[in-house]
Amino acid sequence: MPLHLRLTGRRVLVVGAGPVGRRRVAAALGGGAQVRWVAPDVPPSPVVAEAVAAPFAPAHLRDVLLAFACAPPSVNATVVEAARAAGVLVGRADAPEEGDLVVPAVVRRGPVTVGLTSGAPMATVALRRALEAAVPDAWGLFAALVAEARERLAGGAERTRRLRALADGPLLALLVRGDVEAARRLAERA
């Protein structure tokens, strides 16, 4: 079941300082998380809440919502076991099927996020590239304009009707065509 977590202000543990661990740290920070980064070779970092240059210990899971095991396989197995014992959701980089979650490949266009998994990493990479080419930047502006209209409109059935008309109408086609001003006028009239 795909889902997106709001991590703002929540503690996320990343174990491992290699390329995958660094990507998980960047993604968690991008989501507003307070990152506890643990590895014997973790670099000093002014952007994470805690950079712990030490081997993983179960105590590192204290007050953590989510953990990522991005270290050597034996360490990752220990992280998964400890996280499960602590009731913490955990993703395992080297064996995703052994964790509680899979981190999707992502295509972002402004506020639009498309996540993709396939069960085969090379296939996922190829599909992400195809999506990047197929998903126009206009999708991000489309979502932003509909969200702005939603904030301006009062609640209730009329709001729902007007937003549906805006989203289902010519707004996206105008943006894809590059007529941003006409799209903005249309959104403002909603």
C-alpha atoms as a PDB file:
ATOM      1  CA  MET A   1       0.000   0.000   0.000  1.00  0.00           C
ATOM      2  CA  PRO A   2       1.722   3.212  -1.099  1.00  0.00           C
ATOM      3  CA  LEU A   3       1.631   6.134   1.299  1.00  0.00           C
ATOM      4  CA  HIS A   4       3.484   9.338   2.004  1.00  0.00           C
ATOM      5  CA  LEU A   5       4.583  10.187   5.536  1.00  0.00           C
ATOM      6  CA  ARG A   6       4.740  13.698   6.932  1.00  0.00           C
ATOM      7  CA  LEU A   7       8.111  13.738   8.638  1.00  0.00           C
ATOM      8  CA  THR A   8       8.275  17.401   9.627  1.00  0.00           C
ATOM      9  CA  GLY A   9       9.711  17.596  13.112  1.00  0.00           C
ATOM     10  CA  ARG A  10       9.778  13.798  13.500  1.00  0.00           C
ATOM     11  CA  ARG A  11      12.928  11.872  14.389  1.00  0.00           C
ATOM     12  CA  VAL A  12      14.301   9.604  11.644  1.00  0.00           C
ATOM     13  CA  LEU A  13      17.289   7.302  12.121  1.00  0.00           C
ATOM     14  CA  VAL A  14      19.675   6.600   9.241  1.00  0.00           C
ATOM     15  CA  VAL A  15      22.310   3.933   9.855  1.00  0.00           C
ATOM     16  CA  GLY A  16      25.142   3.993   7.335  1.00  0.00           C
ATOM     17  CA  ALA A  17      27.247   6.730   5.767  1.00  0.00           C
ATOM     18  CA  GLY A  18      27.641   5.339   2.250  1.00  0.00           C
ATOM     19  CA  PRO A  19      25.851   6.628  -0.862  1.00  0.00           C
ATOM     20  CA  VAL A  20      22.465   5.109   0.057  1.00  0.00           C
ATOM     21  CA  GLY A  21      22.666   6.412   3.620  1.00  0.00           C
ATOM     22  CA  ARG A  22      23.557   9.871   2.326  1.00  0.00           C
ATOM     23  CA  ARG A  23      20.540   9.795  -0.033  1.00  0.00           C
ATOM     24  CA  ARG A  24      18.241   8.770   2.826  1.00  0.00           C
ATOM     25  CA  VAL A  25      19.624  11.569   5.012  1.00  0.00           C
ATOM     26  CA  ALA A  26      19.021  14.116   2.225  1.00  0.00           C
ATOM     27  CA  ALA A  27      15.500  12.820   1.582  1.00  0.00           C
ATOM     28  CA  ALA A  28      14.578  12.853   5.283  1.00  0.00           C
ATOM     29  CA  LEU A  29      15.949  16.381   5.678  1.00  0.00           C
ATOM     30  CA  GLY A  30      14.023  17.422   2.569  1.00  0.00           C
ATOM     31  CA  GLY A  31      10.888  16.139   4.278  1.00  0.00           C
ATOM     32  CA  GLY A  32      11.593  18.249   7.357  1.00  0.00           C
ATOM     33  CA  ALA A  33      12.700  15.357   9.598  1.00  0.00           C
ATOM     34  CA  GLN A  34      15.061  15.637  12.531  1.00  0.00           C
ATOM     35  CA  VAL A  35      17.756  13.170  11.444  1.00  0.00           C
ATOM     36  CA  ARG A  36      19.862  11.027  13.740  1.00  0.00           C
ATOM     37  CA  TRP A  37      22.670   9.718  11.507  1.00  0.00           C
ATOM     38  CA  VAL A  38      24.701   6.813  12.889  1.00  0.00           C
ATOM     39  CA  ALA A  39      27.795   5.099  11.477  1.00  0.00           C
ATOM     40  CA  PRO A  40      31.408   4.673  12.572  1.00  0.00           C
ATOM     41  CA  ASP A  41      32.435   6.923   9.665  1.00  0.00           C
ATOM     42  CA  VAL A  42      29.575   9.433   9.768  1.00  0.00           C
ATOM     43  CA  PRO A  43      30.885  12.856   8.792  1.00  0.00           C
ATOM     44  CA  PRO A  44      30.271  15.883  10.993  1.00  0.00           C
ATOM     45  CA  SER A  45      27.162  17.585   9.673  1.00  0.00           C
ATOM     46  CA  PRO A  46      25.649  20.895  10.714  1.00  0.00           C
ATOM     47  CA  VAL A  47      22.333  20.022   9.008  1.00  0.00           C
ATOM     48  CA  VAL A  48      21.390  16.844  10.870  1.00  0.00           C
ATOM     49  CA  ALA A  49      20.039  16.906  14.420  1.00  0.00           C
ATOM     50  CA  GLU A  50      22.584  14.312  15.542  1.00  0.00           C
ATOM     51  CA  ALA A  51      25.639  12.884  13.761  1.00  0.00           C
ATOM     52  CA  VAL A  52      26.780   9.908  15.835  1.00  0.00           C
ATOM     53  CA  ALA A  53      30.171   8.520  14.831  1.00  0.00           C
ATOM     54  CA  ALA A  54      29.718   5.082  16.389  1.00  0.00           C
ATOM     55  CA  PRO A  55      28.470   1.607  15.526  1.00  0.00           C
ATOM     56  CA  PHE A  56      24.697   1.140  15.659  1.00  0.00           C
ATOM     57  CA  ALA A  57      23.188   0.341  19.049  1.00  0.00           C
ATOM     58  CA  PRO A  58      19.496  -0.292  19.831  1.00  0.00           C
ATOM     59  CA  ALA A  59      19.501   2.860  21.999  1.00  0.00           C
ATOM     60  CA  HIS A  60      19.803   4.887  18.783  1.00  0.00           C
ATOM     61  CA  LEU A  61      16.145   3.983  18.082  1.00  0.00           C
ATOM     62  CA  ARG A  62      14.927   6.002  21.093  1.00  0.00           C
ATOM     63  CA  ASP A  63      12.190   8.488  20.076  1.00  0.00           C
ATOM     64  CA  VAL A  64      12.442   7.462  16.402  1.00  0.00           C
ATOM     65  CA  LEU A  65       9.428   7.193  14.086  1.00  0.00           C
ATOM     66  CA  LEU A  66      11.256   5.605  11.163  1.00  0.00           C
ATOM     67  CA  ALA A  67      14.632   3.964  10.587  1.00  0.00           C
ATOM     68  CA  PHE A  68      16.680   3.273   7.466  1.00  0.00           C
ATOM     69  CA  ALA A  69      19.281   0.495   7.527  1.00  0.00           C
ATOM     70  CA  CYS A  70      21.869   1.484   4.885  1.00  0.00           C
ATOM     71  CA  ALA A  71      24.969  -0.228   6.260  1.00  0.00           C
ATOM     72  CA  PRO A  72      26.617  -3.594   5.561  1.00  0.00           C
ATOM     73  CA  PRO A  73      24.174  -6.557   5.578  1.00  0.00           C
ATOM     74  CA  SER A  74      25.066  -7.820   9.064  1.00  0.00           C
ATOM     75  CA  VAL A  75      24.489  -4.350  10.542  1.00  0.00           C
ATOM     76  CA  ASN A  76      21.264  -3.930   8.573  1.00  0.00           C
ATOM     77  CA  ALA A  77      19.927  -7.220   9.958  1.00  0.00           C
ATOM     78  CA  THR A  78      20.658  -5.988  13.484  1.00  0.00           C
ATOM     79  CA  VAL A  79      18.948  -2.642  12.793  1.00  0.00           C
ATOM     80  CA  VAL A  80      15.834  -4.389  11.437  1.00  0.00           C
ATOM     81  CA  GLU A  81      15.640  -6.738  14.422  1.00  0.00           C
ATOM     82  CA  ALA A  82      16.106  -3.903  16.943  1.00  0.00           C
ATOM     83  CA  ALA A  83      13.646  -1.623  15.142  1.00  0.00           C
ATOM     84  CA  ARG A  84      10.957  -4.277  15.101  1.00  0.00           C
ATOM     85  CA  ALA A  85      11.526  -4.947  18.809  1.00  0.00           C
ATOM     86  CA  ALA A  86      11.133  -1.204  19.450  1.00  0.00           C
ATOM     87  CA  GLY A  87       8.002  -0.886  17.276  1.00  0.00           C
ATOM     88  CA  VAL A  88       9.787   1.365  14.753  1.00  0.00           C
ATOM     89  CA  LEU A  89       9.114   1.102  11.019  1.00  0.00           C
ATOM     90  CA  VAL A  90      12.312   0.221   9.184  1.00  0.00           C
ATOM     91  CA  GLY A  91      13.536   0.113   5.614  1.00  0.00           C
ATOM     92  CA  ARG A  92      16.459  -2.101   4.663  1.00  0.00           C
ATOM     93  CA  ALA A  93      18.529  -0.924   1.704  1.00  0.00           C
ATOM     94  CA  ASP A  94      20.238  -4.203   0.774  1.00  0.00           C
ATOM     95  CA  ALA A  95      17.167  -6.444   1.216  1.00  0.00           C
ATOM     96  CA  PRO A  96      13.997  -4.310   1.013  1.00  0.00           C
ATOM     97  CA  GLU A  97      11.740  -7.353   1.383  1.00  0.00           C
ATOM     98  CA  GLU A  98      13.099  -7.851   4.907  1.00  0.00           C
ATOM     99  CA  GLY A  99      12.095  -4.360   6.043  1.00  0.00           C
ATOM    100  CA  ASP A 100       8.686  -2.793   6.597  1.00  0.00           C
ATOM    101  CA  LEU A 101       8.784  -0.418   3.649  1.00  0.00           C
ATOM    102  CA  VAL A 102      10.211   0.219   0.219  1.00  0.00           C
ATOM    103  CA  VAL A 103      11.553   3.631  -0.740  1.00  0.00           C
ATOM    104  CA  PRO A 104      10.205   4.405  -4.211  1.00  0.00           C
ATOM    105  CA  ALA A 105      11.969   6.061  -7.079  1.00  0.00           C
ATOM    106  CA  VAL A 106      10.518   9.574  -7.226  1.00  0.00           C
ATOM    107  CA  VAL A 107       9.680  12.119  -9.908  1.00  0.00           C
ATOM    108  CA  ARG A 108       8.843  15.595  -8.554  1.00  0.00           C
ATOM    109  CA  ARG A 109       7.150  18.459 -10.308  1.00  0.00           C
ATOM    110  CA  GLY A 110       6.573  21.196  -7.743  1.00  0.00           C
ATOM    111  CA  PRO A 111       4.071  19.864  -5.204  1.00  0.00           C
ATOM    112  CA  VAL A 112       3.409  16.758  -7.344  1.00  0.00           C
ATOM    113  CA  THR A 113       5.310  13.645  -6.289  1.00  0.00           C
ATOM    114  CA  VAL A 114       5.091  10.425  -8.285  1.00  0.00           C
ATOM    115  CA  GLY A 115       6.541   7.367  -6.515  1.00  0.00           C
ATOM    116  CA  LEU A 116       7.404   4.173  -8.346  1.00  0.00           C
ATOM    117  CA  THR A 117       8.452   0.668  -7.327  1.00  0.00           C
ATOM    118  CA  SER A 118       8.689  -2.434  -9.482  1.00  0.00           C
ATOM    119  CA  GLY A 119      10.424  -5.122  -7.468  1.00  0.00           C
ATOM    120  CA  ALA A 120      13.422  -4.939  -9.808  1.00  0.00           C
ATOM    121  CA  PRO A 121      15.789  -1.995  -9.168  1.00  0.00           C
ATOM    122  CA  MET A 122      17.038  -1.692 -12.756  1.00  0.00           C
ATOM    123  CA  ALA A 123      13.468  -1.724 -14.075  1.00  0.00           C
ATOM    124  CA  THR A 124      12.494   0.938 -11.534  1.00  0.00           C
ATOM    125  CA  VAL A 125      15.375   3.175 -12.650  1.00  0.00           C
ATOM    126  CA  ALA A 126      14.398   2.804 -16.316  1.00  0.00           C
ATOM    127  CA  LEU A 127      10.729   3.480 -15.550  1.00  0.00           C
ATOM    128  CA  ARG A 128      11.646   6.556 -13.471  1.00  0.00           C
ATOM    129  CA  ARG A 129      13.624   7.950 -16.402  1.00  0.00           C
ATOM    130  CA  ALA A 130      10.646   7.373 -18.693  1.00  0.00           C
ATOM    131  CA  LEU A 131       8.342   9.118 -16.199  1.00  0.00           C
ATOM    132  CA  GLU A 132      10.725  12.065 -15.888  1.00  0.00           C
ATOM    133  CA  ALA A 133      10.510  12.520 -19.638  1.00  0.00           C
ATOM    134  CA  ALA A 134       6.732  12.025 -19.751  1.00  0.00           C
ATOM    135  CA  VAL A 135       5.614  14.139 -16.758  1.00  0.00           C
ATOM    136  CA  PRO A 136       5.686  17.796 -17.771  1.00  0.00           C
ATOM    137  CA  ASP A 137       6.674  20.609 -15.415  1.00  0.00           C
ATOM    138  CA  ALA A 138       3.159  21.941 -15.989  1.00  0.00           C
ATOM    139  CA  TRP A 139       1.817  19.303 -13.595  1.00  0.00           C
ATOM    140  CA  GLY A 140       3.497  21.071 -10.681  1.00  0.00           C
ATOM    141  CA  LEU A 141       2.014  24.454 -11.569  1.00  0.00           C
ATOM    142  CA  PHE A 142      -1.373  22.812 -12.168  1.00  0.00           C
ATOM    143  CA  ALA A 143      -1.373  21.340  -8.648  1.00  0.00           C
ATOM    144  CA  ALA A 144      -0.196  24.634  -7.140  1.00  0.00           C
ATOM    145  CA  LEU A 145      -2.945  26.644  -8.870  1.00  0.00           C
ATOM    146  CA  VAL A 146      -5.671  24.200  -7.790  1.00  0.00           C
ATOM    147  CA  ALA A 147      -4.301  24.280  -4.217  1.00  0.00           C
ATOM    148  CA  GLU A 148      -4.341  28.107  -4.237  1.00  0.00           C
ATOM    149  CA  ALA A 149      -7.955  28.085  -5.445  1.00  0.00           C
ATOM    150  CA  ARG A 150      -8.842  25.585  -2.731  1.00  0.00           C
ATOM    151  CA  GLU A 151      -7.420  27.914  -0.066  1.00  0.00           C
ATOM    152  CA  ARG A 152      -9.405  30.886  -1.410  1.00  0.00           C
ATOM    153  CA  LEU A 153     -12.759  29.122  -1.633  1.00  0.00           C
ATOM    154  CA  ALA A 154     -15.113  28.620   1.300  1.00  0.00           C
ATOM    155  CA  GLY A 155     -15.928  25.011   2.202  1.00  0.00           C
ATOM    156  CA  GLY A 156     -18.970  22.976   1.306  1.00  0.00           C
ATOM    157  CA  ALA A 157     -20.530  21.453  -1.768  1.00  0.00           C
ATOM    158  CA  GLU A 158     -20.089  24.596  -3.898  1.00  0.00           C
ATOM    159  CA  ARG A 159     -16.365  24.624  -3.184  1.00  0.00           C
ATOM    160  CA  THR A 160     -16.102  20.971  -4.222  1.00  0.00           C
ATOM    161  CA  ARG A 161     -18.063  21.625  -7.417  1.00  0.00           C
ATOM    162  CA  ARG A 162     -15.925  24.626  -8.377  1.00  0.00           C
ATOM    163  CA  LEU A 163     -12.641  22.854  -7.645  1.00  0.00           C
ATOM    164  CA  ARG A 164     -13.734  19.800  -9.638  1.00  0.00           C
ATOM    165  CA  ALA A 165     -14.683  22.044 -12.554  1.00  0.00           C
ATOM    166  CA  LEU A 166     -11.301  23.758 -12.370  1.00  0.00           C
ATOM    167  CA  ALA A 167      -9.318  20.512 -12.154  1.00  0.00           C
ATOM    168  CA  ASP A 168     -11.347  18.743 -14.851  1.00  0.00           C
ATOM    169  CA  GLY A 169     -11.503  21.778 -17.144  1.00  0.00           C
ATOM    170  CA  PRO A 170      -8.943  23.251 -19.518  1.00  0.00           C
ATOM    171  CA  LEU A 171      -6.480  24.387 -16.808  1.00  0.00           C
ATOM    172  CA  LEU A 172      -3.928  21.603 -17.329  1.00  0.00           C
ATOM    173  CA  ALA A 173      -4.155  21.847 -21.121  1.00  0.00           C
ATOM    174  CA  LEU A 174      -3.460  25.595 -20.927  1.00  0.00           C
ATOM    175  CA  LEU A 175      -0.385  24.966 -18.783  1.00  0.00           C
ATOM    176  CA  VAL A 176       0.939  22.173 -20.989  1.00  0.00           C
ATOM    177  CA  ARG A 177       0.521  24.505 -23.970  1.00  0.00           C
ATOM    178  CA  GLY A 178       2.535  27.135 -22.081  1.00  0.00           C
ATOM    179  CA  ASP A 179      -0.288  29.665 -21.609  1.00  0.00           C
ATOM    180  CA  VAL A 180       0.454  30.319 -17.936  1.00  0.00           C
ATOM    181  CA  GLU A 181      -1.308  33.711 -17.819  1.00  0.00           C
ATOM    182  CA  ALA A 182      -4.588  32.287 -19.176  1.00  0.00           C
ATOM    183  CA  ALA A 183      -4.292  29.414 -16.681  1.00  0.00           C
ATOM    184  CA  ARG A 184      -3.743  31.835 -13.786  1.00  0.00           C
ATOM    185  CA  ARG A 185      -6.781  33.908 -14.838  1.00  0.00           C
ATOM    186  CA  LEU A 186      -8.903  30.764 -15.044  1.00  0.00           C
ATOM    187  CA  ALA A 187      -7.774  29.638 -11.582  1.00  0.00           C
ATOM    188  CA  GLU A 188      -8.461  33.074 -10.097  1.00  0.00           C
ATOM    189  CA  ARG A 189     -12.005  33.066 -11.546  1.00  0.00           C
ATOM    190  CA  ALA A 190     -12.695  29.747  -9.802  1.00  0.00           C
END
